[in-house]
Protein backbone atom coordinates (compact mmCIF):
# COMPACT_ATOMS: atom_id res chain seq x y z
CA MET A 1 16.63 -110.38 97.30
CA ASN A 2 20.39 -110.92 97.41
CA SER A 3 22.33 -111.49 100.61
CA SER A 4 23.77 -107.95 100.76
CA LYS A 5 20.33 -106.33 100.67
CA GLN A 6 19.05 -108.74 103.31
CA ALA A 7 22.03 -107.92 105.53
CA VAL A 8 21.24 -104.20 105.29
CA LEU A 9 17.57 -104.78 106.16
CA ASP A 10 18.56 -106.99 109.09
CA LEU A 11 20.92 -104.28 110.34
CA LEU A 12 18.28 -101.55 110.09
CA TRP A 13 15.74 -103.68 111.93
CA ASN A 14 17.90 -105.35 114.58
CA GLU A 15 20.96 -103.16 115.22
CA PRO A 16 20.53 -99.66 113.79
CA TYR A 17 22.82 -98.25 116.51
CA ARG A 18 25.79 -99.76 114.68
CA ILE A 19 25.34 -97.05 112.08
CA GLY A 20 26.17 -94.63 114.88
CA HIS A 21 29.42 -96.50 115.51
CA TRP A 22 30.37 -96.09 111.85
CA VAL A 23 29.96 -92.31 111.98
CA GLY A 24 31.90 -91.85 115.21
CA PHE A 25 29.41 -92.42 118.03
CA LYS A 26 31.43 -95.24 119.57
CA ASP A 27 29.87 -94.98 123.03
CA LEU A 28 26.40 -96.14 121.98
CA THR A 29 25.37 -99.38 123.69
CA ALA A 30 22.65 -101.99 123.46
CA LEU A 31 20.49 -99.64 125.54
CA HIS A 32 20.77 -96.99 122.82
CA ASN A 33 19.86 -99.62 120.27
CA GLU A 34 16.69 -100.30 122.27
CA TRP A 35 15.84 -96.59 122.29
CA LEU A 36 16.64 -96.15 118.60
CA ARG A 37 14.52 -99.14 117.53
CA SER A 38 11.66 -97.72 119.57
CA PHE A 39 12.00 -94.34 117.85
CA LEU A 40 12.05 -95.99 114.45
CA TYR A 41 9.42 -98.68 114.75
CA ALA A 42 7.05 -98.05 117.69
CA GLU A 43 3.50 -97.14 116.75
CA LYS A 44 2.43 -95.12 119.80
CA ASP A 45 3.49 -91.80 121.30
CA GLN A 46 6.39 -92.18 123.71
CA THR A 47 8.41 -90.16 126.21
CA LEU A 48 12.06 -90.97 126.91
CA LEU A 49 13.44 -89.39 130.08
CA ALA A 50 17.14 -90.01 130.54
CA HIS A 51 19.87 -88.35 132.56
CA ARG A 52 22.32 -85.79 131.24
CA GLY A 53 25.15 -87.40 129.34
CA SER A 54 23.06 -90.43 128.33
CA TYR A 55 23.39 -89.72 124.58
CA LYS A 56 19.63 -89.55 124.17
CA THR A 57 19.99 -86.58 121.80
CA THR A 58 22.60 -88.50 119.81
CA ASP A 59 20.12 -91.34 119.49
CA LEU A 60 17.46 -88.91 118.35
CA SER A 61 19.75 -87.45 115.70
CA LEU A 62 20.42 -90.95 114.38
CA PHE A 63 16.68 -91.56 114.23
CA LEU A 64 16.17 -88.39 112.15
CA SER A 65 18.85 -89.55 109.73
CA ILE A 66 17.82 -93.19 109.44
CA HIS A 67 14.10 -92.44 109.25
CA THR A 68 14.57 -90.61 105.94
CA ILE A 69 16.02 -93.84 104.51
CA ILE A 70 13.41 -96.19 105.93
CA ASP A 71 10.35 -93.98 105.31
CA PRO A 72 11.35 -91.29 102.78
CA ASN A 73 7.74 -90.29 102.13
CA GLU A 74 6.92 -89.55 105.77
CA ASN A 75 7.52 -86.16 107.37
CA VAL A 76 9.24 -85.51 110.68
CA MET A 77 8.98 -82.23 112.58
CA PHE A 78 11.58 -81.49 115.24
CA PHE A 79 10.86 -78.95 118.01
CA ARG A 80 12.99 -77.52 120.80
CA LYS A 81 12.41 -74.53 123.04
CA THR A 82 14.34 -71.45 121.91
CA ASP A 83 15.19 -68.51 124.15
CA ASP A 84 17.36 -65.69 122.78
CA ASP A 85 18.91 -67.86 120.09
CA VAL A 86 19.70 -70.67 122.54
CA THR A 87 17.95 -73.97 121.92
CA ASN A 88 17.11 -76.42 124.67
CA ASP A 89 14.68 -79.17 125.59
CA ILE A 90 11.03 -78.16 125.54
CA VAL A 91 11.16 -78.47 129.35
CA ASN A 92 14.18 -76.74 130.84
CA LEU A 93 15.52 -74.85 133.86
CA LYS A 94 12.99 -72.04 133.41
CA ASP A 95 10.21 -74.56 134.03
CA ARG A 96 11.83 -75.49 137.32
CA ILE A 97 11.70 -71.98 138.77
CA SER A 98 8.62 -70.43 137.16
CA LYS A 99 5.03 -71.64 137.39
CA ALA A 100 4.08 -69.25 134.57
CA GLU A 101 6.76 -70.81 132.37
CA ARG A 102 5.50 -74.30 133.18
CA GLU A 103 1.97 -73.37 132.17
CA ARG A 104 3.21 -71.68 128.99
CA THR A 105 5.20 -74.76 128.03
CA LYS A 106 2.20 -77.01 128.67
CA THR A 107 0.08 -74.83 126.41
CA GLN A 108 2.72 -74.94 123.67
CA TYR A 109 2.97 -78.70 123.95
CA MET A 110 -0.79 -79.15 123.73
CA GLU A 111 -0.92 -76.85 120.68
CA LEU A 112 1.64 -79.09 118.98
CA GLN A 113 -0.89 -81.92 119.05
CA ASN A 114 -2.73 -80.12 116.25
CA ASN A 115 0.28 -80.58 113.97
CA LYS A 116 0.23 -84.37 114.18
CA ASN A 117 -1.21 -86.09 111.14
CA ARG A 118 -3.77 -88.81 111.62
CA GLY A 119 -1.77 -91.94 112.32
CA GLY A 120 1.28 -89.93 113.35
CA ARG A 121 3.01 -90.01 116.71
CA PHE A 122 5.04 -87.92 119.14
CA ILE A 123 8.49 -88.82 120.43
CA ASN A 124 9.30 -86.74 123.52
CA THR A 125 12.76 -86.69 125.08
CA GLY A 126 14.23 -84.63 127.86
CA THR A 127 14.81 -84.24 131.57
CA PRO A 128 12.03 -83.57 134.11
CA TRP A 129 12.49 -80.36 136.07
CA HIS A 130 9.33 -80.06 138.15
CA LYS A 131 6.52 -82.40 139.18
CA GLU A 132 4.02 -80.11 137.41
CA ASP A 133 6.00 -79.40 134.24
CA ALA A 134 4.89 -80.41 130.73
CA ILE A 135 6.42 -83.85 131.09
CA SER A 136 3.66 -84.61 133.60
CA ILE A 137 1.14 -84.66 130.73
CA MET A 138 3.29 -86.64 128.29
CA PRO A 139 2.35 -90.28 127.57
CA ASN A 140 4.15 -93.63 127.88
CA VAL A 141 7.06 -92.43 129.98
CA GLY A 142 10.27 -94.46 130.24
CA LYS A 143 12.79 -93.30 132.88
CA TYR A 144 16.52 -94.01 132.87
CA ASP A 145 18.49 -92.46 135.73
CA CYS A 146 22.26 -92.30 136.08
CA TYR A 147 22.37 -95.52 138.11
CA SER A 148 20.29 -97.71 135.82
CA THR A 149 22.11 -96.97 132.55
CA GLY A 150 25.65 -97.61 133.77
CA LEU A 151 26.90 -94.94 131.37
CA ILE A 152 28.62 -92.78 133.99
CA MET A 153 31.21 -94.29 136.29
CA ARG A 154 30.87 -93.81 140.04
CA ASP A 155 33.92 -91.52 140.29
CA LYS A 156 32.52 -89.22 137.61
CA LEU A 157 29.09 -89.21 139.28
CA GLU A 158 30.71 -88.16 142.54
CA GLU A 159 32.55 -85.36 140.74
CA LEU A 160 29.31 -84.18 139.16
CA ARG A 161 27.45 -84.35 142.48
CA GLN A 162 30.06 -82.16 144.16
CA SER A 163 29.86 -79.58 141.37
CA MET A 164 26.17 -78.68 141.86
CA SER A 165 23.41 -78.49 144.44
CA ASP A 166 21.58 -81.63 145.58
CA SER A 167 18.40 -80.56 143.80
CA LEU A 168 20.15 -79.93 140.47
CA PHE A 169 21.96 -83.25 140.64
CA ALA A 170 18.68 -84.99 141.48
CA ALA A 171 16.91 -83.38 138.52
CA ASN A 172 19.67 -83.84 135.96
CA TYR A 173 20.97 -87.26 136.87
CA GLU A 174 18.53 -89.03 139.23
CA LEU A 175 15.39 -87.66 137.50
CA LYS A 176 13.91 -86.69 140.86
CA HIS A 177 12.25 -83.53 142.10
CA ILE A 178 13.58 -82.33 145.44
CA ALA A 179 14.40 -79.05 147.10
CA ASP A 180 17.90 -78.78 148.51
CA LYS A 181 16.51 -78.63 152.05
CA ASP A 182 14.62 -81.91 151.45
CA ALA A 183 17.58 -83.95 150.19
CA MET A 184 17.69 -87.29 151.99
CA PHE A 185 21.48 -87.07 152.38
CA GLN A 186 23.40 -83.82 152.51
CA ASN A 187 26.71 -84.14 150.67
CA PRO A 188 26.92 -87.97 150.65
CA GLN A 189 30.36 -89.49 150.25
CA PHE A 190 31.06 -92.57 148.13
CA THR A 191 33.61 -95.24 148.85
CA LYS A 192 35.31 -98.10 147.03
CA GLU A 193 35.86 -99.98 150.31
CA ILE A 194 32.99 -102.39 149.85
CA GLN A 195 34.17 -104.47 152.80
CA LEU A 196 32.77 -101.76 155.05
CA ILE A 197 29.23 -102.88 154.27
CA HIS A 198 29.87 -106.60 154.79
CA GLY A 199 27.36 -108.02 157.24
CA GLY A 200 24.93 -105.14 156.79
CA LEU A 201 21.16 -105.53 157.10
CA ALA A 202 19.34 -105.92 153.79
CA HIS A 203 15.77 -105.01 152.91
CA ILE A 204 13.50 -105.65 149.93
CA ASP A 205 10.61 -103.31 149.22
CA ALA A 206 8.67 -105.43 146.75
CA ALA A 207 6.47 -104.34 143.85
CA TYR A 208 3.83 -106.61 142.35
CA ASP A 209 1.83 -104.43 139.98
CA GLY A 210 0.89 -100.81 139.36
CA GLU A 211 3.42 -97.98 139.23
CA ASP A 212 5.55 -99.00 142.22
CA GLY A 213 9.06 -100.32 141.81
CA THR A 214 11.10 -102.95 143.65
CA ALA A 215 13.96 -101.69 145.82
CA TYR A 216 16.83 -103.52 147.51
CA THR A 217 18.97 -101.83 150.14
CA ILE A 218 21.79 -102.68 152.53
CA ILE A 219 22.54 -100.49 155.56
CA LYS A 220 25.26 -100.81 158.19
CA LYS A 221 26.19 -98.51 161.04
CA MET A 222 29.92 -98.31 161.66
CA PRO A 223 31.46 -98.20 165.16
CA ASP A 224 32.39 -94.54 164.58
CA GLY A 225 28.77 -93.63 163.82
CA ARG A 226 29.02 -93.46 160.03
CA ILE A 227 26.24 -95.06 157.99
CA ILE A 228 27.28 -97.19 155.01
CA GLY A 229 24.52 -97.87 152.50
CA PHE A 230 23.82 -99.41 149.10
CA GLY A 231 20.61 -99.26 147.12
CA LYS A 232 19.14 -100.43 143.82
CA ARG A 233 15.67 -99.90 142.33
CA TRP A 234 13.86 -101.54 139.42
CA ASP A 235 10.55 -100.75 137.73
CA LYS A 236 9.77 -104.46 137.78
CA HIS A 237 7.81 -107.14 139.62
CA VAL A 238 9.86 -108.44 142.54
CA ASP A 239 10.08 -111.91 140.96
CA ASP A 240 12.02 -110.41 138.05
CA CYS A 241 14.54 -108.83 140.42
CA LEU A 242 15.43 -111.69 142.77
CA SER A 243 18.23 -113.04 140.58
CA GLU A 244 20.00 -109.67 140.44
CA ILE A 245 19.31 -109.07 144.12
CA GLY A 246 21.04 -112.37 144.83
CA ILE A 247 24.14 -111.17 142.97
CA TYR A 248 24.33 -107.95 144.99
CA HIS A 249 23.58 -109.79 148.25
CA LYS A 250 26.46 -112.17 147.66
CA ARG A 251 28.84 -109.49 146.38
CA PHE A 252 28.35 -107.28 149.46
CA ARG A 253 28.11 -110.24 151.87
CA ALA A 254 24.92 -108.90 153.39
CA GLY A 255 23.26 -110.50 156.40
CA SER A 256 19.58 -111.30 156.82
CA ILE A 257 16.98 -109.80 154.48
CA SER A 258 14.04 -107.84 155.88
CA CYS A 259 10.73 -107.77 154.03
CA GLU A 260 7.10 -106.98 154.76
CA LYS A 261 4.83 -109.93 155.40
CA ASN A 262 1.39 -108.33 155.59
CA ALA A 263 0.90 -106.82 152.13
CA ASP A 264 1.70 -109.99 150.19
CA LYS A 265 0.49 -112.58 152.74
CA GLY A 266 4.01 -113.89 153.20
CA TYR A 267 4.64 -114.52 149.47
CA LEU A 268 8.08 -112.89 149.32
CA ALA A 269 9.18 -114.44 152.62
CA LYS A 270 8.32 -117.85 151.19
CA GLU A 271 10.24 -117.10 147.99
CA LEU A 272 13.30 -116.00 149.96
CA ARG A 273 13.14 -119.11 152.09
CA GLY A 274 13.05 -121.21 148.95
CA LEU A 275 16.20 -119.46 147.75
CA GLY A 276 17.96 -120.22 151.02
CA TYR A 277 18.14 -116.71 152.50
CA THR A 278 18.02 -115.84 156.18
CA ARG A 279 15.49 -113.07 156.48
CA ARG A 280 13.86 -110.59 158.82
CA VAL A 281 10.12 -110.47 158.21
CA THR A 282 8.34 -107.26 159.23
CA VAL A 283 4.87 -107.97 160.55
CA ASP A 284 2.42 -106.00 162.66
CA THR A 285 1.29 -107.12 166.09
CA LYS A 286 -1.99 -108.58 164.81
CA ALA A 287 -0.51 -110.70 162.05
CA PRO A 288 0.19 -114.40 162.64
CA VAL A 289 3.83 -115.40 162.64
CA ILE A 290 4.73 -118.00 160.03
CA SER A 291 5.22 -121.34 161.68
CA ASP A 292 8.07 -122.84 159.64
CA VAL A 293 10.85 -120.63 161.04
CA GLU A 294 12.47 -120.04 164.40
CA ALA A 295 12.82 -116.55 165.88
CA ASP A 296 16.41 -115.54 166.72
CA ALA A 297 15.60 -112.13 168.15
CA THR A 298 12.61 -109.84 168.61
CA THR A 299 12.48 -106.03 168.66
CA VAL A 300 9.33 -104.00 169.25
CA ASN A 301 9.33 -100.45 167.86
CA ALA A 302 7.55 -97.57 169.63
CA ASN A 303 4.76 -97.71 167.03
CA GLY A 304 4.04 -101.33 167.88
CA THR A 305 5.64 -102.86 164.81
CA ILE A 306 7.51 -106.07 165.53
CA HIS A 307 10.76 -106.90 163.72
CA LEU A 308 11.53 -110.59 163.96
CA THR A 309 14.90 -111.94 162.90
CA PHE A 310 14.38 -115.46 161.60
CA LYS A 311 16.70 -118.24 160.59
CA VAL A 312 15.69 -120.87 158.06
CA VAL A 313 14.84 -124.24 159.52
CA ASP A 314 15.96 -127.18 157.42
CA PRO A 315 12.87 -129.31 156.69
CA ALA A 316 14.93 -132.38 157.54
CA ASP A 317 15.27 -131.13 161.12
CA GLU A 318 11.57 -130.46 161.63
């Protein structure tokens, strides 16, 4: 095999998204390359849920084109829901507002399974609209919200948020199911003045296994009563997030970090101490307090939970 042929094969295997660049899709990133390679080469059914404006459909169109080159003898069937000559994702706005529509779509999706050849696979893409829609029965789900992809700048996200209801923004861009009345924040405002959050209290909600994710937040109450907040979530084990958490913690000059001590027997608190962080460890009244730190302040909530603010003790001083 000559070098030109090998270069083409390497491109198709490693960086097929570059073909998209050549035909005008200049905004495709390494993330789209990851999606496209999965479409082309994965062996199992998969479900890609990504926010509006993520170019997931562009990626899918590239897959349909490239697949005919890589596997010309294999068939691909492409389905979308059609209503009055308008095509859309198999799960759409109708599924959000109508239980009958959700059940009809589920039935249609299950019927499609009969069209899959032995050894074939399904690639599902779209946006979830309801917790009981057809996406709830789709396998191997990967979620990419508007914050994790980095494809939409903060100013544009704010513009989009102001142009629709909280529930529609949550469904289309955050991939969440909420009613407008249940939105955590009504009409939140974003700011570029990151100094406002300096010195805020940080918290890590750690995930170790299962379906939970790891979350890192910073909250600060301003003298005028406003609440300034920052948050980031990963579908990862907490150990895989600590490096990135450290970057955000330093960037926003956060204060002590709060974490739960009971669930993990003090594992995360020990890890944070090893990294040199000052931390607040949330324990209940029956749990023993770790002995290698000094308490700076103690607050007892009405429910009996104790919040202890600790400072790290240098082993040399012990």
